[in-house]
Amino acid sequence: MDAQLQQDINVLIRKLDGLGRDVLKNAKNDLKEGGSLIVSALKGRVPVGNKVHKRYKSGRKKAAKGQGNVVATYRPGNLKRAYRILALRRMKTGIMIGPKLGGAVDGYYVHMVNNAVTFKNGTTRAGKHFVEAAIQAAGDPALRAVVDMLKQRVLMY
């Protein structure tokens, strides 16, 4: 992040402290617009598999592979569809971007794809590191877009 952008952010933070509730609500919408740039960058970099994976539940003991009750089915492209701006109502002036957990597109395994994984037998699988690449590519443009929108909104008042 360059020095001018940091200066703009600091000025905005000082001005936002004194603004009313309606401006802060609109600021969250502006953040969502900037966040959509990051979400699209993430969706473009998520690796897509070529086979269906299933998760099983077997009760108290661990069942053999393929045994037990199928709890969830993960289709190719599932992780790509899971990334979104999460609706967290408790965050008054911020947004969260990440995979949706539960439901049809359960992205609970994103950390296993993005980071390295060590299996029980000692073998490892290297991580894809697509989240870092997406943030690197779209982080500054998204931040600049949000700062410009917030600056216009603050100057209107």
N, C-alpha and C. Protein backbone atom coordinates (compact mmCIF):
# COMPACT_ATOMS: atom_id res chain seq x y z
N MET A 1 0.85 -1.17 0.00
CA MET A 1 0.00 0.00 0.00
C MET A 1 0.90 1.23 0.00
N ASP A 2 0.60 2.16 -0.91
CA ASP A 2 1.44 3.34 -1.00
C ASP A 2 1.05 4.38 0.06
N ALA A 3 1.90 5.38 0.23
CA ALA A 3 1.73 6.37 1.30
C ALA A 3 0.50 7.24 1.07
N GLN A 4 0.22 7.60 -0.18
CA GLN A 4 -0.94 8.45 -0.48
C GLN A 4 -2.24 7.73 -0.13
N LEU A 5 -2.32 6.46 -0.45
CA LEU A 5 -3.52 5.68 -0.12
C LEU A 5 -3.71 5.60 1.39
N GLN A 6 -2.63 5.40 2.13
CA GLN A 6 -2.72 5.33 3.58
C GLN A 6 -3.17 6.68 4.15
N GLN A 7 -2.70 7.78 3.57
CA GLN A 7 -3.12 9.11 4.01
C GLN A 7 -4.62 9.31 3.77
N ASP A 8 -5.10 8.88 2.58
CA ASP A 8 -6.52 9.00 2.27
C ASP A 8 -7.36 8.19 3.25
N ILE A 9 -6.90 7.01 3.59
CA ILE A 9 -7.64 6.16 4.53
C ILE A 9 -7.71 6.81 5.90
N ASN A 10 -6.59 7.37 6.36
CA ASN A 10 -6.57 8.03 7.67
C ASN A 10 -7.52 9.23 7.72
N VAL A 11 -7.55 10.02 6.63
CA VAL A 11 -8.45 11.17 6.58
C VAL A 11 -9.89 10.70 6.62
N LEU A 12 -10.20 9.64 5.88
CA LEU A 12 -11.57 9.10 5.87
C LEU A 12 -11.99 8.59 7.24
N ILE A 13 -11.10 7.91 7.92
CA ILE A 13 -11.42 7.37 9.24
C ILE A 13 -11.74 8.51 10.20
N ARG A 14 -10.96 9.57 10.15
CA ARG A 14 -11.23 10.71 11.03
C ARG A 14 -12.58 11.35 10.72
N LYS A 15 -12.92 11.45 9.44
CA LYS A 15 -14.19 12.06 9.07
C LYS A 15 -15.36 11.14 9.36
N LEU A 16 -15.17 9.83 9.18
CA LEU A 16 -16.25 8.88 9.43
C LEU A 16 -16.63 8.81 10.91
N ASP A 17 -15.71 9.12 11.78
CA ASP A 17 -16.01 9.09 13.21
C ASP A 17 -17.14 10.06 13.57
N GLY A 18 -17.25 11.16 12.83
CA GLY A 18 -18.26 12.16 13.16
C GLY A 18 -19.53 12.05 12.35
N LEU A 19 -19.64 11.11 11.45
CA LEU A 19 -20.82 11.04 10.58
C LEU A 19 -21.94 10.23 11.19
N GLY A 20 -23.11 10.43 10.65
CA GLY A 20 -24.30 9.78 11.18
C GLY A 20 -24.46 8.34 10.73
N ARG A 21 -25.56 7.76 11.20
CA ARG A 21 -25.83 6.35 10.98
C ARG A 21 -26.11 6.03 9.51
N ASP A 22 -26.81 6.91 8.81
CA ASP A 22 -27.14 6.65 7.41
C ASP A 22 -25.91 6.60 6.53
N VAL A 23 -24.94 7.42 6.83
CA VAL A 23 -23.70 7.41 6.05
C VAL A 23 -22.95 6.11 6.29
N LEU A 24 -22.94 5.64 7.53
CA LEU A 24 -22.26 4.39 7.82
C LEU A 24 -22.94 3.20 7.15
N LYS A 25 -24.26 3.23 7.05
CA LYS A 25 -24.97 2.16 6.35
C LYS A 25 -24.60 2.17 4.87
N ASN A 26 -24.54 3.34 4.29
CA ASN A 26 -24.14 3.44 2.89
C ASN A 26 -22.67 3.06 2.71
N ALA A 27 -21.87 3.32 3.72
CA ALA A 27 -20.46 2.95 3.64
C ALA A 27 -20.31 1.43 3.57
N LYS A 28 -21.18 0.70 4.26
CA LYS A 28 -21.12 -0.75 4.18
C LYS A 28 -21.46 -1.23 2.77
N ASN A 29 -22.38 -0.57 2.11
CA ASN A 29 -22.70 -0.91 0.72
C ASN A 29 -21.51 -0.63 -0.19
N ASP A 30 -20.80 0.46 0.07
CA ASP A 30 -19.60 0.76 -0.71
C ASP A 30 -18.53 -0.30 -0.49
N LEU A 31 -18.40 -0.76 0.75
CA LEU A 31 -17.44 -1.82 1.04
C LEU A 31 -17.81 -3.11 0.30
N LYS A 32 -19.10 -3.38 0.19
CA LYS A 32 -19.54 -4.57 -0.55
C LYS A 32 -19.18 -4.47 -2.02
N GLU A 33 -19.28 -3.28 -2.59
CA GLU A 33 -18.89 -3.11 -3.99
C GLU A 33 -17.40 -3.38 -4.18
N GLY A 34 -16.59 -2.86 -3.28
CA GLY A 34 -15.16 -3.14 -3.36
C GLY A 34 -14.85 -4.60 -3.09
N GLY A 35 -15.59 -5.20 -2.17
CA GLY A 35 -15.40 -6.61 -1.85
C GLY A 35 -15.75 -7.51 -3.02
N SER A 36 -16.68 -7.08 -3.86
CA SER A 36 -17.04 -7.90 -5.01
C SER A 36 -15.87 -8.04 -5.98
N LEU A 37 -14.98 -7.05 -6.02
CA LEU A 37 -13.77 -7.18 -6.85
C LEU A 37 -12.88 -8.30 -6.32
N ILE A 38 -12.76 -8.40 -5.01
CA ILE A 38 -11.93 -9.45 -4.42
C ILE A 38 -12.59 -10.82 -4.60
N VAL A 39 -13.92 -10.87 -4.45
CA VAL A 39 -14.62 -12.14 -4.64
C VAL A 39 -14.45 -12.65 -6.06
N SER A 40 -14.56 -11.78 -7.04
CA SER A 40 -14.39 -12.21 -8.43
C SER A 40 -12.96 -12.67 -8.69
N ALA A 41 -11.99 -12.01 -8.06
CA ALA A 41 -10.60 -12.46 -8.21
C ALA A 41 -10.39 -13.82 -7.56
N LEU A 42 -11.02 -14.04 -6.41
CA LEU A 42 -10.93 -15.35 -5.75
C LEU A 42 -11.57 -16.44 -6.60
N LYS A 43 -12.75 -16.17 -7.12
CA LYS A 43 -13.44 -17.16 -7.93
C LYS A 43 -12.66 -17.51 -9.19
N GLY A 44 -11.92 -16.55 -9.71
CA GLY A 44 -11.12 -16.81 -10.90
C GLY A 44 -9.88 -17.64 -10.62
N ARG A 45 -9.44 -17.70 -9.37
CA ARG A 45 -8.21 -18.41 -9.04
C ARG A 45 -8.43 -19.72 -8.28
N VAL A 46 -9.65 -20.03 -7.90
CA VAL A 46 -9.92 -21.26 -7.16
C VAL A 46 -9.71 -22.46 -8.09
N PRO A 47 -8.90 -23.43 -7.66
CA PRO A 47 -8.74 -24.63 -8.49
C PRO A 47 -10.02 -25.45 -8.48
N VAL A 48 -10.32 -26.04 -9.64
CA VAL A 48 -11.53 -26.85 -9.78
C VAL A 48 -11.11 -28.29 -10.02
N GLY A 49 -11.63 -29.18 -9.20
CA GLY A 49 -11.32 -30.61 -9.33
C GLY A 49 -12.08 -31.22 -10.50
N ASN A 50 -11.90 -32.54 -10.67
CA ASN A 50 -12.59 -33.21 -11.77
C ASN A 50 -13.38 -34.43 -11.32
N LYS A 51 -13.50 -34.62 -10.01
CA LYS A 51 -14.31 -35.74 -9.53
C LYS A 51 -15.10 -35.34 -8.29
N VAL A 52 -16.13 -36.09 -8.01
CA VAL A 52 -17.01 -35.83 -6.86
C VAL A 52 -16.37 -36.45 -5.62
N HIS A 53 -16.41 -35.70 -4.51
CA HIS A 53 -15.92 -36.20 -3.22
C HIS A 53 -17.10 -36.28 -2.26
N LYS A 54 -17.02 -37.24 -1.33
CA LYS A 54 -18.09 -37.41 -0.36
C LYS A 54 -17.53 -37.42 1.05
N ARG A 55 -18.36 -36.96 1.99
CA ARG A 55 -18.01 -37.01 3.40
C ARG A 55 -18.99 -37.96 4.06
N TYR A 56 -18.44 -38.82 4.94
CA TYR A 56 -19.24 -39.87 5.56
C TYR A 56 -19.33 -39.68 7.06
N LYS A 57 -20.40 -40.23 7.63
CA LYS A 57 -20.55 -40.28 9.08
C LYS A 57 -20.88 -41.73 9.42
N SER A 58 -20.13 -42.29 10.37
CA SER A 58 -20.33 -43.71 10.65
C SER A 58 -20.74 -43.99 12.09
N GLY A 59 -20.91 -43.00 12.91
CA GLY A 59 -21.28 -43.24 14.30
C GLY A 59 -20.08 -43.13 15.20
N ARG A 60 -19.91 -44.09 16.10
CA ARG A 60 -18.84 -44.00 17.10
C ARG A 60 -17.49 -44.42 16.56
N LYS A 61 -17.43 -45.49 15.76
CA LYS A 61 -16.15 -45.97 15.26
C LYS A 61 -15.89 -45.44 13.86
N LYS A 62 -14.62 -45.35 13.50
CA LYS A 62 -14.27 -44.92 12.16
C LYS A 62 -14.53 -46.08 11.20
N ALA A 63 -15.32 -45.80 10.19
CA ALA A 63 -15.67 -46.83 9.21
C ALA A 63 -14.61 -46.89 8.14
N ALA A 64 -14.60 -47.97 7.40
CA ALA A 64 -13.68 -48.12 6.27
C ALA A 64 -14.05 -47.11 5.20
N LYS A 65 -13.11 -46.83 4.31
CA LYS A 65 -13.32 -45.85 3.26
C LYS A 65 -14.51 -46.27 2.39
N GLY A 66 -15.44 -45.35 2.19
CA GLY A 66 -16.62 -45.63 1.39
C GLY A 66 -17.77 -46.22 2.17
N GLN A 67 -17.57 -46.53 3.43
CA GLN A 67 -18.62 -47.09 4.28
C GLN A 67 -19.25 -45.97 5.11
N GLY A 68 -20.37 -46.27 5.74
CA GLY A 68 -21.03 -45.27 6.56
C GLY A 68 -22.07 -44.51 5.75
N ASN A 69 -22.67 -43.53 6.39
CA ASN A 69 -23.73 -42.74 5.75
C ASN A 69 -23.11 -41.52 5.08
N VAL A 70 -23.52 -41.23 3.85
CA VAL A 70 -23.04 -40.04 3.13
C VAL A 70 -23.70 -38.83 3.76
N VAL A 71 -22.87 -37.92 4.27
CA VAL A 71 -23.36 -36.70 4.91
C VAL A 71 -23.37 -35.55 3.92
N ALA A 72 -22.34 -35.49 3.08
CA ALA A 72 -22.23 -34.39 2.13
C ALA A 72 -21.55 -34.86 0.87
N THR A 73 -21.93 -34.26 -0.25
CA THR A 73 -21.32 -34.53 -1.55
C THR A 73 -20.75 -33.22 -2.07
N TYR A 74 -19.49 -33.25 -2.45
CA TYR A 74 -18.80 -32.06 -2.95
C TYR A 74 -18.49 -32.25 -4.42
N ARG A 75 -19.12 -31.45 -5.26
CA ARG A 75 -18.96 -31.56 -6.71
C ARG A 75 -17.86 -30.62 -7.19
N PRO A 76 -17.29 -30.90 -8.38
CA PRO A 76 -16.28 -29.99 -8.93
C PRO A 76 -16.85 -28.58 -9.09
N GLY A 77 -16.08 -27.58 -8.71
CA GLY A 77 -16.53 -26.19 -8.78
C GLY A 77 -17.29 -25.74 -7.54
N ASN A 78 -17.44 -26.62 -6.58
CA ASN A 78 -18.18 -26.31 -5.36
C ASN A 78 -17.51 -25.17 -4.58
N LEU A 79 -16.20 -25.22 -4.47
CA LEU A 79 -15.47 -24.20 -3.71
C LEU A 79 -15.57 -22.84 -4.39
N LYS A 80 -15.57 -22.83 -5.71
CA LYS A 80 -15.71 -21.57 -6.45
C LYS A 80 -17.06 -20.93 -6.15
N ARG A 81 -18.10 -21.73 -6.08
CA ARG A 81 -19.44 -21.20 -5.80
C ARG A 81 -19.59 -20.80 -4.33
N ALA A 82 -18.75 -21.30 -3.47
CA ALA A 82 -18.87 -21.02 -2.03
C ALA A 82 -18.36 -19.63 -1.66
N TYR A 83 -17.45 -19.05 -2.43
CA TYR A 83 -16.89 -17.75 -2.08
C TYR A 83 -17.90 -16.64 -2.30
N ARG A 84 -18.05 -15.78 -1.28
CA ARG A 84 -19.00 -14.68 -1.35
C ARG A 84 -18.71 -13.67 -0.25
N ILE A 85 -19.44 -12.56 -0.29
CA ILE A 85 -19.40 -11.61 0.81
C ILE A 85 -20.39 -12.13 1.83
N LEU A 86 -19.90 -12.43 3.00
CA LEU A 86 -20.73 -13.07 4.02
C LEU A 86 -21.61 -12.04 4.72
N ALA A 87 -22.85 -12.41 4.98
CA ALA A 87 -23.82 -11.53 5.63
C ALA A 87 -23.68 -11.66 7.14
N LEU A 88 -22.84 -10.85 7.72
CA LEU A 88 -22.64 -10.85 9.17
C LEU A 88 -23.26 -9.58 9.72
N ARG A 89 -24.42 -9.71 10.34
CA ARG A 89 -25.17 -8.54 10.80
C ARG A 89 -24.51 -7.84 11.97
N ARG A 90 -23.69 -8.55 12.71
CA ARG A 90 -23.06 -7.92 13.88
C ARG A 90 -21.96 -6.95 13.48
N MET A 91 -21.43 -7.08 12.29
CA MET A 91 -20.41 -6.14 11.83
C MET A 91 -21.11 -4.90 11.31
N LYS A 92 -21.04 -3.82 12.04
CA LYS A 92 -21.77 -2.61 11.68
C LYS A 92 -21.14 -1.88 10.50
N THR A 93 -19.82 -1.80 10.48
CA THR A 93 -19.17 -1.01 9.43
C THR A 93 -18.11 -1.81 8.70
N GLY A 94 -18.29 -3.09 8.56
CA GLY A 94 -17.30 -3.90 7.87
C GLY A 94 -17.95 -5.07 7.15
N ILE A 95 -17.17 -5.75 6.35
CA ILE A 95 -17.65 -6.93 5.64
C ILE A 95 -16.63 -8.04 5.80
N MET A 96 -17.06 -9.28 5.57
CA MET A 96 -16.17 -10.44 5.56
C MET A 96 -16.33 -11.13 4.23
N ILE A 97 -15.22 -11.56 3.69
CA ILE A 97 -15.22 -12.30 2.44
C ILE A 97 -14.66 -13.68 2.73
N GLY A 98 -15.36 -14.71 2.29
CA GLY A 98 -14.88 -16.06 2.53
C GLY A 98 -15.83 -17.08 1.99
N PRO A 99 -15.54 -18.35 2.24
CA PRO A 99 -16.43 -19.41 1.75
C PRO A 99 -17.64 -19.56 2.66
N LYS A 100 -18.78 -19.83 2.06
CA LYS A 100 -19.99 -20.11 2.82
C LYS A 100 -19.87 -21.51 3.39
N LEU A 101 -20.20 -21.65 4.66
CA LEU A 101 -20.13 -22.95 5.31
C LEU A 101 -21.53 -23.53 5.44
N GLY A 102 -21.65 -24.82 5.20
CA GLY A 102 -22.93 -25.48 5.29
C GLY A 102 -23.75 -25.28 4.03
N GLY A 103 -24.82 -26.02 3.92
CA GLY A 103 -25.71 -25.88 2.78
C GLY A 103 -25.18 -26.60 1.55
N ALA A 104 -25.67 -26.18 0.39
CA ALA A 104 -25.33 -26.86 -0.85
C ALA A 104 -23.86 -26.66 -1.24
N VAL A 105 -23.30 -25.51 -0.93
CA VAL A 105 -21.90 -25.24 -1.27
C VAL A 105 -21.10 -25.04 0.01
N ASP A 106 -20.72 -26.13 0.64
CA ASP A 106 -20.00 -26.08 1.91
C ASP A 106 -18.51 -25.98 1.62
N GLY A 107 -17.92 -24.84 1.94
CA GLY A 107 -16.51 -24.62 1.66
C GLY A 107 -15.62 -24.78 2.86
N TYR A 108 -15.96 -25.72 3.76
CA TYR A 108 -15.19 -25.87 4.99
C TYR A 108 -13.75 -26.30 4.72
N TYR A 109 -13.48 -26.88 3.58
CA TYR A 109 -12.18 -27.47 3.27
C TYR A 109 -11.24 -26.51 2.54
N VAL A 110 -11.56 -25.23 2.49
CA VAL A 110 -10.75 -24.28 1.75
C VAL A 110 -9.31 -24.24 2.27
N HIS A 111 -9.12 -24.37 3.57
CA HIS A 111 -7.78 -24.33 4.14
C HIS A 111 -6.95 -25.54 3.69
N MET A 112 -7.62 -26.65 3.39
CA MET A 112 -6.89 -27.83 2.93
C MET A 112 -6.42 -27.68 1.49
N VAL A 113 -7.14 -26.91 0.71
CA VAL A 113 -6.76 -26.68 -0.68
C VAL A 113 -5.73 -25.56 -0.76
N ASN A 114 -5.93 -24.51 0.01
CA ASN A 114 -5.05 -23.34 -0.07
C ASN A 114 -3.69 -23.58 0.60
N ASN A 115 -3.68 -24.24 1.75
CA ASN A 115 -2.44 -24.46 2.49
C ASN A 115 -1.96 -25.89 2.31
N ALA A 116 -0.73 -26.14 2.71
CA ALA A 116 -0.18 -27.50 2.62
C ALA A 116 -0.87 -28.41 3.63
N VAL A 117 -1.00 -29.69 3.28
CA VAL A 117 -1.66 -30.67 4.14
C VAL A 117 -0.71 -31.84 4.35
N THR A 118 -0.58 -32.29 5.60
CA THR A 118 0.19 -33.49 5.91
C THR A 118 -0.79 -34.58 6.31
N PHE A 119 -0.70 -35.72 5.64
CA PHE A 119 -1.61 -36.83 5.89
C PHE A 119 -1.07 -37.71 7.01
N LYS A 120 -1.91 -38.66 7.49
CA LYS A 120 -1.53 -39.53 8.60
C LYS A 120 -0.31 -40.39 8.28
N ASN A 121 -0.15 -40.77 7.02
CA ASN A 121 0.98 -41.62 6.67
C ASN A 121 2.27 -40.83 6.45
N GLY A 122 2.25 -39.53 6.67
CA GLY A 122 3.45 -38.71 6.58
C GLY A 122 3.64 -37.99 5.25
N THR A 123 2.85 -38.33 4.24
CA THR A 123 2.98 -37.64 2.95
C THR A 123 2.34 -36.26 3.04
N THR A 124 2.79 -35.37 2.20
CA THR A 124 2.25 -34.01 2.19
C THR A 124 1.76 -33.66 0.79
N ARG A 125 0.85 -32.72 0.76
CA ARG A 125 0.37 -32.16 -0.50
C ARG A 125 0.57 -30.66 -0.41
N ALA A 126 1.24 -30.11 -1.41
CA ALA A 126 1.52 -28.68 -1.41
C ALA A 126 0.24 -27.89 -1.58
N GLY A 127 0.19 -26.72 -0.98
CA GLY A 127 -0.98 -25.87 -1.10
C GLY A 127 -1.00 -25.12 -2.42
N LYS A 128 -2.18 -24.68 -2.82
CA LYS A 128 -2.35 -23.95 -4.08
C LYS A 128 -2.12 -22.45 -3.89
N HIS A 129 -2.31 -21.93 -2.70
CA HIS A 129 -2.08 -20.51 -2.35
C HIS A 129 -2.83 -19.56 -3.28
N PHE A 130 -4.07 -19.90 -3.63
CA PHE A 130 -4.85 -19.05 -4.52
C PHE A 130 -5.43 -17.84 -3.79
N VAL A 131 -5.64 -17.93 -2.48
CA VAL A 131 -6.19 -16.79 -1.74
C VAL A 131 -5.18 -15.65 -1.71
N GLU A 132 -3.93 -15.98 -1.42
CA GLU A 132 -2.89 -14.96 -1.39
C GLU A 132 -2.72 -14.30 -2.76
N ALA A 133 -2.77 -15.10 -3.82
CA ALA A 133 -2.62 -14.56 -5.17
C ALA A 133 -3.78 -13.62 -5.52
N ALA A 134 -4.98 -13.97 -5.11
CA ALA A 134 -6.14 -13.12 -5.40
C ALA A 134 -6.07 -11.81 -4.63
N ILE A 135 -5.68 -11.88 -3.37
CA ILE A 135 -5.55 -10.66 -2.57
C ILE A 135 -4.45 -9.77 -3.13
N GLN A 136 -3.37 -10.38 -3.54
CA GLN A 136 -2.26 -9.63 -4.14
C GLN A 136 -2.71 -8.90 -5.40
N ALA A 137 -3.52 -9.57 -6.22
CA ALA A 137 -3.95 -9.00 -7.49
C ALA A 137 -5.05 -7.96 -7.33
N ALA A 138 -6.05 -8.25 -6.50
CA ALA A 138 -7.23 -7.40 -6.44
C ALA A 138 -7.31 -6.54 -5.19
N GLY A 139 -6.42 -6.71 -4.24
CA GLY A 139 -6.51 -5.98 -2.98
C GLY A 139 -6.38 -4.48 -3.13
N ASP A 140 -5.32 -4.03 -3.80
CA ASP A 140 -5.12 -2.58 -3.95
C ASP A 140 -6.18 -1.91 -4.82
N PRO A 141 -6.56 -2.49 -5.97
CA PRO A 141 -7.65 -1.85 -6.74
C PRO A 141 -8.97 -1.79 -5.97
N ALA A 142 -9.29 -2.84 -5.22
CA ALA A 142 -10.52 -2.84 -4.44
C ALA A 142 -10.46 -1.78 -3.34
N LEU A 143 -9.32 -1.69 -2.69
CA LEU A 143 -9.15 -0.69 -1.63
C LEU A 143 -9.25 0.72 -2.19
N ARG A 144 -8.64 0.94 -3.34
CA ARG A 144 -8.69 2.26 -3.98
C ARG A 144 -10.13 2.61 -4.37
N ALA A 145 -10.88 1.63 -4.90
CA ALA A 145 -12.27 1.88 -5.29
C ALA A 145 -13.12 2.23 -4.07
N VAL A 146 -12.92 1.51 -2.97
CA VAL A 146 -13.69 1.79 -1.75
C VAL A 146 -13.34 3.16 -1.20
N VAL A 147 -12.06 3.48 -1.18
CA VAL A 147 -11.64 4.79 -0.65
C VAL A 147 -12.24 5.91 -1.49
N ASP A 148 -12.25 5.75 -2.83
CA ASP A 148 -12.83 6.79 -3.69
C ASP A 148 -14.33 6.94 -3.45
N MET A 149 -15.05 5.82 -3.32
CA MET A 149 -16.50 5.89 -3.07
C MET A 149 -16.80 6.52 -1.72
N LEU A 150 -16.04 6.13 -0.70
CA LEU A 150 -16.26 6.71 0.63
C LEU A 150 -15.90 8.19 0.66
N LYS A 151 -14.87 8.55 -0.06
CA LYS A 151 -14.47 9.96 -0.11
C LYS A 151 -15.58 10.79 -0.74
N GLN A 152 -16.17 10.29 -1.81
CA GLN A 152 -17.29 11.03 -2.45
C GLN A 152 -18.47 11.14 -1.50
N ARG A 153 -18.77 10.07 -0.78
CA ARG A 153 -19.90 10.06 0.14
C ARG A 153 -19.66 11.04 1.29
N VAL A 154 -18.44 11.08 1.82
CA VAL A 154 -18.13 11.98 2.93
C VAL A 154 -18.17 13.42 2.47
N LEU A 155 -17.70 13.70 1.26
CA LEU A 155 -17.69 15.07 0.75
C LEU A 155 -19.10 15.57 0.44
N MET A 156 -20.06 14.66 0.24
CA MET A 156 -21.44 15.08 0.01
C MET A 156 -22.04 15.67 1.28
N TYR A 157 -21.57 15.24 2.45
CA TYR A 157 -22.15 15.71 3.71
C TYR A 157 -21.43 16.88 4.29
